Amino acid sequence: MAIQDVLKKGDVPKFGRYIVWLVLFLGCSGFIAKGVIQVFWQGAGVG
């Protein structure tokens, strides 16, 4: 099941849905930022 389906079937309040999507977005963006920073550091010879 998709996350959206689970949130709808579980009758989660709108505020809770926003929190879930925020946590998922921040986790994803943090993972991408880590990769970008690692590429720059290795390119500069730091790591």
Protein backbone atom coordinates (compact mmCIF):
# COMPACT_ATOMS: atom_id res chain seq x y z
CA MET A 1 0.00 0.00 0.00
CA ALA A 2 1.09 3.52 -0.66
CA ILE A 3 1.56 5.94 2.20
CA GLN A 4 -1.32 8.07 0.98
CA ASP A 5 -3.68 5.05 1.07
CA VAL A 6 -2.63 4.20 4.62
CA LEU A 7 -3.19 7.77 5.78
CA LYS A 8 -6.66 7.87 4.20
CA LYS A 9 -7.76 4.46 5.51
CA GLY A 10 -6.43 5.23 8.98
CA ASP A 11 -8.47 8.44 9.07
CA VAL A 12 -5.40 10.47 10.03
CA PRO A 13 -6.06 14.18 10.70
CA LYS A 14 -4.78 16.71 8.15
CA PHE A 15 -2.10 17.98 10.55
CA GLY A 16 -0.78 14.43 11.00
CA ARG A 17 -0.64 13.92 7.24
CA TYR A 18 1.45 17.07 6.85
CA ILE A 19 3.85 15.89 9.55
CA VAL A 20 4.26 12.49 7.84
CA TRP A 21 5.01 14.08 4.46
CA LEU A 22 7.38 16.61 6.08
CA VAL A 23 9.38 13.86 7.78
CA LEU A 24 9.61 11.87 4.54
CA PHE A 25 10.64 14.94 2.55
CA LEU A 26 13.31 15.96 5.07
CA GLY A 27 14.74 12.44 5.13
CA CYS A 28 14.93 12.32 1.35
CA SER A 29 16.43 15.80 1.01
CA GLY A 30 18.99 15.04 3.71
CA PHE A 31 20.08 11.91 1.88
CA ILE A 32 20.46 13.86 -1.38
CA ALA A 33 22.37 16.66 0.37
CA LYS A 34 24.74 14.12 1.90
CA GLY A 35 25.53 12.73 -1.55
CA VAL A 36 26.12 16.19 -3.03
CA ILE A 37 28.38 17.23 -0.15
CA GLN A 38 30.33 13.99 -0.44
CA VAL A 39 30.91 14.56 -4.18
CA PHE A 40 32.18 18.10 -3.57
CA TRP A 41 34.44 17.02 -0.73
CA GLN A 42 35.96 14.19 -2.73
CA GLY A 43 36.42 16.51 -5.71
CA ALA A 44 38.25 19.02 -3.52
CA GLY A 45 40.46 16.30 -2.03
CA VAL A 46 39.16 16.73 1.51
CA GLY A 47 37.80 13.19 2.00
